[in-house]
All heavy atoms as atom14 arrays in JSON, in Angstrom:
{
  "sequence": "FARRVANRVVFMSDGEIVEDAPPETFFTHPRSDRAKDFLGKILTH",
  "atom14_mask": [
    [1, 1, 1, 1, 1, 1, 1, 1, 1, 1, 1, 0, 0, 0],
    [1, 1, 1, 1, 1, 0, 0, 0, 0, 0, 0, 0, 0, 0],
    [1, 1, 1, 1, 1, 1, 1, 1, 1, 1, 1, 0, 0, 0],
    [1, 1, 1, 1, 1, 1, 1, 1, 1, 1, 1, 0, 0, 0],
    [1, 1, 1, 1, 1, 1, 1, 0, 0, 0, 0, 0, 0, 0],
    [1, 1, 1, 1, 1, 0, 0, 0, 0, 0, 0, 0, 0, 0],
    [1, 1, 1, 1, 1, 1, 1, 1, 0, 0, 0, 0, 0, 0],
    [1, 1, 1, 1, 1, 1, 1, 1, 1, 1, 1, 0, 0, 0],
    [1, 1, 1, 1, 1, 1, 1, 0, 0, 0, 0, 0, 0, 0],
    [1, 1, 1, 1, 1, 1, 1, 0, 0, 0, 0, 0, 0, 0],
    [1, 1, 1, 1, 1, 1, 1, 1, 1, 1, 1, 0, 0, 0],
    [1, 1, 1, 1, 1, 1, 1, 1, 0, 0, 0, 0, 0, 0],
    [1, 1, 1, 1, 1, 1, 0, 0, 0, 0, 0, 0, 0, 0],
    [1, 1, 1, 1, 1, 1, 1, 1, 0, 0, 0, 0, 0, 0],
    [1, 1, 1, 1, 0, 0, 0, 0, 0, 0, 0, 0, 0, 0],
    [1, 1, 1, 1, 1, 1, 1, 1, 1, 0, 0, 0, 0, 0],
    [1, 1, 1, 1, 1, 1, 1, 1, 0, 0, 0, 0, 0, 0],
    [1, 1, 1, 1, 1, 1, 1, 0, 0, 0, 0, 0, 0, 0],
    [1, 1, 1, 1, 1, 1, 1, 1, 1, 0, 0, 0, 0, 0],
    [1, 1, 1, 1, 1, 1, 1, 1, 0, 0, 0, 0, 0, 0],
    [1, 1, 1, 1, 1, 0, 0, 0, 0, 0, 0, 0, 0, 0],
    [1, 1, 1, 1, 1, 1, 1, 0, 0, 0, 0, 0, 0, 0],
    [1, 1, 1, 1, 1, 1, 1, 0, 0, 0, 0, 0, 0, 0],
    [1, 1, 1, 1, 1, 1, 1, 1, 1, 0, 0, 0, 0, 0],
    [1, 1, 1, 1, 1, 1, 1, 0, 0, 0, 0, 0, 0, 0],
    [1, 1, 1, 1, 1, 1, 1, 1, 1, 1, 1, 0, 0, 0],
    [1, 1, 1, 1, 1, 1, 1, 1, 1, 1, 1, 0, 0, 0],
    [1, 1, 1, 1, 1, 1, 1, 0, 0, 0, 0, 0, 0, 0],
    [1, 1, 1, 1, 1, 1, 1, 1, 1, 1, 0, 0, 0, 0],
    [1, 1, 1, 1, 1, 1, 1, 0, 0, 0, 0, 0, 0, 0],
    [1, 1, 1, 1, 1, 1, 1, 1, 1, 1, 1, 0, 0, 0],
    [1, 1, 1, 1, 1, 1, 0, 0, 0, 0, 0, 0, 0, 0],
    [1, 1, 1, 1, 1, 1, 1, 1, 0, 0, 0, 0, 0, 0],
    [1, 1, 1, 1, 1, 1, 1, 1, 1, 1, 1, 0, 0, 0],
    [1, 1, 1, 1, 1, 0, 0, 0, 0, 0, 0, 0, 0, 0],
    [1, 1, 1, 1, 1, 1, 1, 1, 1, 0, 0, 0, 0, 0],
    [1, 1, 1, 1, 1, 1, 1, 1, 0, 0, 0, 0, 0, 0],
    [1, 1, 1, 1, 1, 1, 1, 1, 1, 1, 1, 0, 0, 0],
    [1, 1, 1, 1, 1, 1, 1, 1, 0, 0, 0, 0, 0, 0],
    [1, 1, 1, 1, 0, 0, 0, 0, 0, 0, 0, 0, 0, 0],
    [1, 1, 1, 1, 1, 1, 1, 1, 1, 0, 0, 0, 0, 0],
    [1, 1, 1, 1, 1, 1, 1, 1, 0, 0, 0, 0, 0, 0],
    [1, 1, 1, 1, 1, 1, 1, 1, 0, 0, 0, 0, 0, 0],
    [1, 1, 1, 1, 1, 1, 1, 0, 0, 0, 0, 0, 0, 0],
    [1, 1, 1, 1, 1, 1, 1, 1, 1, 1, 0, 0, 0, 0]
  ],
  "atom14_positions": [
    [[0.84, -1.2, 0.0], [0.0, 0.0, 0.0], [0.88, 1.25, 0.0], [0.64, 2.2, -0.75], [-0.91, -0.04, 1.24], [-1.75, 1.18, 1.43], [-2.86, 1.4, 0.62], [-1.46, 2.09, 2.43], [-3.66, 2.54, 0.8], [-2.25, 3.22, 2.62], [-3.35, 3.44, 1.8], [0.0, 0.0, 0.0], [0.0, 0.0, 0.0], [0.0, 0.0, 0.0]],
    [[1.91, 1.24, 0.83], [2.83, 2.39, 0.89], [3.46, 2.64, -0.47], [3.56, 3.78, -0.94], [3.9, 2.16, 1.95], [0.0, 0.0, 0.0], [0.0, 0.0, 0.0], [0.0, 0.0, 0.0], [0.0, 0.0, 0.0], [0.0, 0.0, 0.0], [0.0, 0.0, 0.0], [0.0, 0.0, 0.0], [0.0, 0.0, 0.0], [0.0, 0.0, 0.0]],
    [[3.87, 1.57, -1.11], [4.51, 1.7, -2.43], [3.57, 2.27, -3.47], [3.95, 3.09, -4.3], [4.96, 0.32, -2.92], [6.41, 0.04, -2.61], [6.86, -1.18, -3.4], [8.15, -0.91, -3.99], [9.23, -1.66, -3.83], [9.17, -2.73, -3.09], [10.35, -1.35, -4.4], [0.0, 0.0, 0.0], [0.0, 0.0, 0.0], [0.0, 0.0, 0.0]],
    [[2.31, 1.8, -3.42], [1.35, 2.18, -4.47], [0.75, 3.56, -4.24], [0.5, 4.29, -5.19], [0.19, 1.18, -4.51], [0.48, -0.13, -5.2], [-0.82, -0.89, -5.48], [-1.76, -0.88, -4.37], [-1.72, -1.72, -3.34], [-0.75, -2.62, -3.26], [-2.62, -1.66, -2.38], [0.0, 0.0, 0.0], [0.0, 0.0, 0.0], [0.0, 0.0, 0.0]],
    [[0.48, 3.89, -2.99], [-0.41, 5.02, -2.72], [0.31, 6.25, -2.17], [-0.12, 7.38, -2.38], [-1.54, 4.58, -1.75], [-2.49, 5.72, -1.43], [-2.32, 3.42, -2.36], [0.0, 0.0, 0.0], [0.0, 0.0, 0.0], [0.0, 0.0, 0.0], [0.0, 0.0, 0.0], [0.0, 0.0, 0.0], [0.0, 0.0, 0.0], [0.0, 0.0, 0.0]],
    [[1.43, 6.04, -1.47], [2.07, 7.17, -0.79], [2.7, 8.13, -1.79], [3.27, 7.72, -2.8], [3.15, 6.67, 0.17], [0.0, 0.0, 0.0], [0.0, 0.0, 0.0], [0.0, 0.0, 0.0], [0.0, 0.0, 0.0], [0.0, 0.0, 0.0], [0.0, 0.0, 0.0], [0.0, 0.0, 0.0], [0.0, 0.0, 0.0], [0.0, 0.0, 0.0]],
    [[2.63, 9.43, -1.48], [3.48, 10.41, -2.14], [4.85, 10.41, -1.48], [5.87, 10.62, -2.13], [2.89, 11.82, -2.03], [1.52, 11.92, -2.68], [0.52, 12.04, -2.0], [1.48, 11.83, -4.0], [0.0, 0.0, 0.0], [0.0, 0.0, 0.0], [0.0, 0.0, 0.0], [0.0, 0.0, 0.0], [0.0, 0.0, 0.0], [0.0, 0.0, 0.0]],
    [[4.83, 10.19, -0.15], [6.08, 10.16, 0.61], [6.0, 9.09, 1.67], [4.95, 8.83, 2.22], [6.31, 11.5, 1.33], [6.75, 12.62, 0.43], [6.45, 13.96, 1.04], [7.0, 14.16, 2.37], [6.49, 15.04, 3.25], [5.43, 15.75, 2.95], [7.04, 15.18, 4.43], [0.0, 0.0, 0.0], [0.0, 0.0, 0.0], [0.0, 0.0, 0.0]],
    [[7.15, 8.5, 1.94], [7.28, 7.58, 3.06], [8.16, 8.26, 4.1], [9.25, 8.76, 3.79], [7.92, 6.25, 2.61], [8.3, 5.41, 3.83], [6.95, 5.47, 1.72], [0.0, 0.0, 0.0], [0.0, 0.0, 0.0], [0.0, 0.0, 0.0], [0.0, 0.0, 0.0], [0.0, 0.0, 0.0], [0.0, 0.0, 0.0], [0.0, 0.0, 0.0]],
    [[7.65, 8.32, 5.32], [8.44, 8.84, 6.44], [8.82, 7.64, 7.3], [7.94, 6.9, 7.75], [7.61, 9.86, 7.25], [8.28, 10.18, 8.58], [7.39, 11.12, 6.44], [0.0, 0.0, 0.0], [0.0, 0.0, 0.0], [0.0, 0.0, 0.0], [0.0, 0.0, 0.0], [0.0, 0.0, 0.0], [0.0, 0.0, 0.0], [0.0, 0.0, 0.0]],
    [[10.12, 7.44, 7.48], [10.57, 6.31, 8.28], [11.04, 6.81, 9.64], [11.88, 7.71, 9.73], [11.72, 5.58, 7.57], [12.32, 4.48, 8.4], [11.63, 3.28, 8.59], [13.55, 4.64, 9.01], [12.17, 2.27, 9.38], [14.1, 3.63, 9.8], [13.41, 2.44, 9.98], [0.0, 0.0, 0.0], [0.0, 0.0, 0.0], [0.0, 0.0, 0.0]],
    [[10.45, 6.24, 10.71], [10.79, 6.64, 12.07], [11.53, 5.52, 12.79], [11.26, 4.35, 12.58], [9.53, 7.0, 12.86], [8.92, 8.31, 12.43], [7.54, 8.77, 13.51], [8.4, 9.25, 15.02], [0.0, 0.0, 0.0], [0.0, 0.0, 0.0], [0.0, 0.0, 0.0], [0.0, 0.0, 0.0], [0.0, 0.0, 0.0], [0.0, 0.0, 0.0]],
    [[12.45, 5.92, 13.65], [13.13, 4.96, 14.5], [13.55, 5.7, 15.76], [14.05, 6.83, 15.67], [14.35, 4.41, 13.76], [15.06, 3.52, 14.59], [0.0, 0.0, 0.0], [0.0, 0.0, 0.0], [0.0, 0.0, 0.0], [0.0, 0.0, 0.0], [0.0, 0.0, 0.0], [0.0, 0.0, 0.0], [0.0, 0.0, 0.0], [0.0, 0.0, 0.0]],
    [[13.29, 5.11, 16.92], [13.68, 5.71, 18.21], [13.22, 7.17, 18.34], [13.96, 8.01, 18.82], [15.2, 5.64, 18.4], [15.71, 4.22, 18.3], [15.08, 3.34, 18.91], [16.71, 3.98, 17.61], [0.0, 0.0, 0.0], [0.0, 0.0, 0.0], [0.0, 0.0, 0.0], [0.0, 0.0, 0.0], [0.0, 0.0, 0.0], [0.0, 0.0, 0.0]],
    [[11.99, 7.43, 17.91], [11.42, 8.76, 18.12], [11.88, 9.82, 17.14], [11.52, 10.99, 17.28], [0.0, 0.0, 0.0], [0.0, 0.0, 0.0], [0.0, 0.0, 0.0], [0.0, 0.0, 0.0], [0.0, 0.0, 0.0], [0.0, 0.0, 0.0], [0.0, 0.0, 0.0], [0.0, 0.0, 0.0], [0.0, 0.0, 0.0], [0.0, 0.0, 0.0]],
    [[12.66, 9.43, 16.14], [13.15, 10.41, 15.17], [12.66, 10.07, 13.77], [12.44, 8.9, 13.45], [14.69, 10.39, 15.12], [15.33, 10.83, 16.41], [16.85, 10.68, 16.36], [17.35, 9.59, 15.98], [17.53, 11.65, 16.68], [0.0, 0.0, 0.0], [0.0, 0.0, 0.0], [0.0, 0.0, 0.0], [0.0, 0.0, 0.0], [0.0, 0.0, 0.0]],
    [[12.51, 11.1, 12.94], [12.29, 10.86, 11.52], [13.67, 10.67, 10.89], [14.5, 11.57, 10.88], [11.55, 12.04, 10.86], [10.12, 12.09, 11.39], [11.56, 11.89, 9.34], [9.28, 13.24, 10.85], [0.0, 0.0, 0.0], [0.0, 0.0, 0.0], [0.0, 0.0, 0.0], [0.0, 0.0, 0.0], [0.0, 0.0, 0.0], [0.0, 0.0, 0.0]],
    [[13.91, 9.46, 10.42], [15.23, 9.11, 9.89], [15.29, 9.35, 8.39], [16.3, 9.75, 7.84], [15.56, 7.63, 10.21], [16.95, 7.25, 9.73], [15.45, 7.38, 11.72], [0.0, 0.0, 0.0], [0.0, 0.0, 0.0], [0.0, 0.0, 0.0], [0.0, 0.0, 0.0], [0.0, 0.0, 0.0], [0.0, 0.0, 0.0], [0.0, 0.0, 0.0]],
    [[14.17, 9.05, 7.71], [14.12, 9.27, 6.26], [12.74, 9.81, 5.87], [11.74, 9.49, 6.52], [14.38, 7.96, 5.48], [15.72, 7.37, 5.81], [16.27, 6.45, 4.73], [15.85, 6.55, 3.56], [17.14, 5.63, 5.07], [0.0, 0.0, 0.0], [0.0, 0.0, 0.0], [0.0, 0.0, 0.0], [0.0, 0.0, 0.0], [0.0, 0.0, 0.0]],
    [[12.73, 10.6, 4.83], [11.49, 11.16, 4.3], [11.71, 11.23, 2.79], [12.45, 12.07, 2.31], [11.26, 12.55, 4.89], [9.95, 13.19, 4.42], [9.4, 12.75, 3.4], [9.5, 14.15, 5.09], [0.0, 0.0, 0.0], [0.0, 0.0, 0.0], [0.0, 0.0, 0.0], [0.0, 0.0, 0.0], [0.0, 0.0, 0.0], [0.0, 0.0, 0.0]],
    [[11.11, 10.29, 2.05], [11.44, 10.17, 0.63], [10.25, 9.62, -0.13], [9.34, 9.03, 0.45], [12.64, 9.22, 0.48], [0.0, 0.0, 0.0], [0.0, 0.0, 0.0], [0.0, 0.0, 0.0], [0.0, 0.0, 0.0], [0.0, 0.0, 0.0], [0.0, 0.0, 0.0], [0.0, 0.0, 0.0], [0.0, 0.0, 0.0], [0.0, 0.0, 0.0]],
    [[10.25, 9.79, -1.47], [9.22, 9.11, -2.27], [9.35, 7.6, -2.08], [10.46, 7.11, -1.84], [9.57, 9.51, -3.72], [10.47, 10.7, -3.61], [11.18, 10.56, -2.3], [0.0, 0.0, 0.0], [0.0, 0.0, 0.0], [0.0, 0.0, 0.0], [0.0, 0.0, 0.0], [0.0, 0.0, 0.0], [0.0, 0.0, 0.0], [0.0, 0.0, 0.0]],
    [[8.23, 6.85, -2.19], [8.27, 5.42, -1.87], [9.31, 4.64, -2.68], [10.02, 3.81, -2.14], [6.86, 4.93, -2.18], [6.09, 6.08, -2.69], [6.87, 7.31, -2.49], [0.0, 0.0, 0.0], [0.0, 0.0, 0.0], [0.0, 0.0, 0.0], [0.0, 0.0, 0.0], [0.0, 0.0, 0.0], [0.0, 0.0, 0.0], [0.0, 0.0, 0.0]],
    [[9.4, 4.93, -3.96], [10.32, 4.17, -4.8], [11.75, 4.32, -4.29], [12.5, 3.35, -4.16], [10.21, 4.65, -6.27], [10.2, 3.54, -7.3], [9.78, 2.15, -6.81], [8.61, 1.95, -6.42], [10.63, 1.25, -6.8], [0.0, 0.0, 0.0], [0.0, 0.0, 0.0], [0.0, 0.0, 0.0], [0.0, 0.0, 0.0], [0.0, 0.0, 0.0]],
    [[12.1, 5.57, -3.95], [13.44, 5.83, -3.43], [13.65, 5.11, -2.12], [14.68, 4.45, -1.9], [13.61, 7.36, -3.18], [13.18, 8.05, -4.36], [15.04, 7.72, -2.87], [0.0, 0.0, 0.0], [0.0, 0.0, 0.0], [0.0, 0.0, 0.0], [0.0, 0.0, 0.0], [0.0, 0.0, 0.0], [0.0, 0.0, 0.0], [0.0, 0.0, 0.0]],
    [[12.66, 5.21, -1.24], [12.81, 4.61, 0.09], [12.96, 3.09, -0.01], [13.82, 2.5, 0.63], [11.62, 4.95, 0.99], [11.7, 4.27, 2.33], [12.59, 4.71, 3.3], [10.93, 3.14, 2.6], [12.7, 4.06, 4.53], [11.03, 2.48, 3.82], [11.92, 2.95, 4.78], [0.0, 0.0, 0.0], [0.0, 0.0, 0.0], [0.0, 0.0, 0.0]],
    [[12.11, 2.46, -0.82], [12.14, 0.99, -0.87], [13.33, 0.45, -1.64], [13.8, -0.64, -1.35], [10.83, 0.45, -1.45], [9.68, 0.53, -0.47], [8.64, 1.42, -0.67], [9.66, -0.28, 0.66], [7.59, 1.5, 0.25], [8.62, -0.21, 1.58], [7.59, 0.7, 1.37], [0.0, 0.0, 0.0], [0.0, 0.0, 0.0], [0.0, 0.0, 0.0]],
    [[13.82, 1.2, -2.62], [14.92, 0.66, -3.42], [16.29, 1.18, -2.98], [17.28, 0.48, -3.09], [14.72, 0.96, -4.93], [14.4, 2.34, -5.08], [13.61, 0.12, -5.52], [0.0, 0.0, 0.0], [0.0, 0.0, 0.0], [0.0, 0.0, 0.0], [0.0, 0.0, 0.0], [0.0, 0.0, 0.0], [0.0, 0.0, 0.0], [0.0, 0.0, 0.0]],
    [[16.32, 2.43, -2.46], [17.62, 2.99, -2.03], [17.52, 3.65, -0.67], [17.73, 4.86, -0.56], [18.12, 4.04, -3.05], [18.26, 3.5, -4.43], [19.2, 2.56, -4.77], [17.56, 3.77, -5.56], [19.08, 2.28, -6.07], [18.09, 2.98, -6.56], [0.0, 0.0, 0.0], [0.0, 0.0, 0.0], [0.0, 0.0, 0.0], [0.0, 0.0, 0.0]],
    [[17.19, 2.89, 0.39], [17.16, 3.54, 1.71], [18.56, 4.03, 2.07], [19.54, 3.36, 1.76], [16.69, 2.41, 2.64], [17.04, 1.15, 1.94], [16.96, 1.44, 0.47], [0.0, 0.0, 0.0], [0.0, 0.0, 0.0], [0.0, 0.0, 0.0], [0.0, 0.0, 0.0], [0.0, 0.0, 0.0], [0.0, 0.0, 0.0], [0.0, 0.0, 0.0]],
    [[18.62, 5.21, 2.67], [19.93, 5.81, 2.93], [20.52, 5.33, 4.26], [21.72, 5.14, 4.38], [19.82, 7.34, 2.97], [19.52, 7.95, 1.62], [19.77, 9.46, 1.64], [19.18, 10.09, 2.83], [17.92, 10.49, 2.91], [17.11, 10.33, 1.89], [17.46, 11.06, 4.0], [0.0, 0.0, 0.0], [0.0, 0.0, 0.0], [0.0, 0.0, 0.0]],
    [[19.67, 5.16, 5.26], [20.2, 4.89, 6.6], [20.29, 3.4, 6.88], [19.54, 2.6, 6.31], [19.28, 5.53, 7.65], [18.02, 4.89, 7.6], [0.0, 0.0, 0.0], [0.0, 0.0, 0.0], [0.0, 0.0, 0.0], [0.0, 0.0, 0.0], [0.0, 0.0, 0.0], [0.0, 0.0, 0.0], [0.0, 0.0, 0.0], [0.0, 0.0, 0.0]],
    [[21.21, 3.03, 7.75], [21.33, 1.63, 8.15], [20.06, 1.16, 8.86], [19.64, 0.01, 8.71], [22.54, 1.44, 9.09], [23.85, 1.58, 8.31], [23.81, 1.42, 7.07], [24.88, 1.89, 8.93], [0.0, 0.0, 0.0], [0.0, 0.0, 0.0], [0.0, 0.0, 0.0], [0.0, 0.0, 0.0], [0.0, 0.0, 0.0], [0.0, 0.0, 0.0]],
    [[19.43, 2.07, 9.62], [18.22, 1.66, 10.36], [17.11, 1.28, 9.39], [16.39, 0.31, 9.6], [17.77, 2.78, 11.3], [18.63, 2.85, 12.55], [18.07, 3.8, 13.58], [18.38, 5.2, 13.28], [18.08, 6.21, 14.09], [17.49, 5.98, 15.25], [18.38, 7.44, 13.78], [0.0, 0.0, 0.0], [0.0, 0.0, 0.0], [0.0, 0.0, 0.0]],
    [[16.97, 2.05, 8.31], [15.93, 1.74, 7.31], [16.28, 0.46, 6.56], [15.41, -0.38, 6.31], [15.76, 2.9, 6.34], [0.0, 0.0, 0.0], [0.0, 0.0, 0.0], [0.0, 0.0, 0.0], [0.0, 0.0, 0.0], [0.0, 0.0, 0.0], [0.0, 0.0, 0.0], [0.0, 0.0, 0.0], [0.0, 0.0, 0.0], [0.0, 0.0, 0.0]],
    [[17.54, 0.29, 6.22], [17.97, -0.93, 5.5], [17.68, -2.16, 6.36], [17.19, -3.18, 5.87], [19.47, -0.87, 5.18], [19.78, 0.06, 4.02], [21.29, 0.19, 3.81], [21.55, 1.32, 2.82], [22.88, 1.9, 2.96], [0.0, 0.0, 0.0], [0.0, 0.0, 0.0], [0.0, 0.0, 0.0], [0.0, 0.0, 0.0], [0.0, 0.0, 0.0]],
    [[17.99, -2.05, 7.64], [17.76, -3.15, 8.58], [16.26, -3.48, 8.67], [15.85, -4.63, 8.6], [18.32, -2.73, 9.95], [18.15, -3.83, 10.98], [18.54, -4.99, 10.67], [17.64, -3.56, 12.08], [0.0, 0.0, 0.0], [0.0, 0.0, 0.0], [0.0, 0.0, 0.0], [0.0, 0.0, 0.0], [0.0, 0.0, 0.0], [0.0, 0.0, 0.0]],
    [[15.46, -2.43, 8.8], [14.0, -2.58, 8.89], [13.44, -3.25, 7.63], [12.69, -4.21, 7.7], [13.37, -1.2, 9.07], [11.86, -1.17, 9.03], [11.11, -1.61, 10.11], [11.2, -0.68, 7.91], [9.72, -1.57, 10.07], [9.81, -0.64, 7.87], [9.08, -1.07, 8.96], [0.0, 0.0, 0.0], [0.0, 0.0, 0.0], [0.0, 0.0, 0.0]],
    [[13.84, -2.76, 6.47], [13.33, -3.31, 5.21], [13.84, -4.74, 5.01], [13.12, -5.59, 4.51], [13.76, -2.43, 4.03], [13.01, -1.09, 3.96], [13.68, -0.17, 2.95], [11.54, -1.3, 3.61], [0.0, 0.0, 0.0], [0.0, 0.0, 0.0], [0.0, 0.0, 0.0], [0.0, 0.0, 0.0], [0.0, 0.0, 0.0], [0.0, 0.0, 0.0]],
    [[15.05, -5.0, 5.43], [15.62, -6.34, 5.32], [14.77, -7.34, 6.09], [14.5, -8.45, 5.62], [0.0, 0.0, 0.0], [0.0, 0.0, 0.0], [0.0, 0.0, 0.0], [0.0, 0.0, 0.0], [0.0, 0.0, 0.0], [0.0, 0.0, 0.0], [0.0, 0.0, 0.0], [0.0, 0.0, 0.0], [0.0, 0.0, 0.0], [0.0, 0.0, 0.0]],
    [[14.33, -6.94, 7.28], [13.52, -7.84, 8.12], [12.13, -8.04, 7.51], [11.56, -9.11, 7.62], [13.36, -7.25, 9.52], [14.62, -7.39, 10.35], [14.37, -6.92, 11.77], [15.63, -7.03, 12.61], [15.92, -5.8, 13.34], [0.0, 0.0, 0.0], [0.0, 0.0, 0.0], [0.0, 0.0, 0.0], [0.0, 0.0, 0.0], [0.0, 0.0, 0.0]],
    [[11.59, -6.98, 6.93], [10.2, -7.03, 6.49], [10.05, -7.64, 5.11], [9.19, -8.46, 4.85], [9.59, -5.61, 6.5], [9.21, -5.29, 7.94], [8.4, -5.49, 5.59], [8.29, -4.16, 8.12], [0.0, 0.0, 0.0], [0.0, 0.0, 0.0], [0.0, 0.0, 0.0], [0.0, 0.0, 0.0], [0.0, 0.0, 0.0], [0.0, 0.0, 0.0]],
    [[10.92, -7.25, 4.2], [10.72, -7.62, 2.79], [11.22, -9.02, 2.49], [10.98, -9.54, 1.42], [11.38, -6.59, 1.87], [10.82, -5.16, 2.01], [11.56, -4.2, 1.11], [9.34, -5.12, 1.66], [0.0, 0.0, 0.0], [0.0, 0.0, 0.0], [0.0, 0.0, 0.0], [0.0, 0.0, 0.0], [0.0, 0.0, 0.0], [0.0, 0.0, 0.0]],
    [[11.93, -9.64, 3.43], [12.4, -11.01, 3.17], [11.33, -12.04, 3.46], [11.42, -13.16, 3.01], [13.65, -11.33, 4.04], [13.38, -10.91, 5.36], [14.87, -10.61, 3.51], [0.0, 0.0, 0.0], [0.0, 0.0, 0.0], [0.0, 0.0, 0.0], [0.0, 0.0, 0.0], [0.0, 0.0, 0.0], [0.0, 0.0, 0.0], [0.0, 0.0, 0.0]],
    [[10.29, -11.66, 4.24], [9.27, -12.66, 4.6], [8.4, -13.02, 3.42], [7.98, -12.15, 2.69], [8.4, -12.13, 5.76], [9.22, -11.99, 7.01], [10.07, -12.97, 7.45], [9.32, -10.97, 7.89], [10.67, -12.56, 8.58], [10.23, -11.35, 8.84], [0.0, 0.0, 0.0], [0.0, 0.0, 0.0], [0.0, 0.0, 0.0], [0.0, 0.0, 0.0]]
  ]
}
């Protein structure tokens, strides 16, 4: 749903906004290690 519908994805970790990017950018090229770790856990299932 986030990929299809969002204009922007805001990624939060430990109370901070770590990334704020268009979905395609976020899902294919996350910048932070925290986002990469999060996506790694979720998208492998």
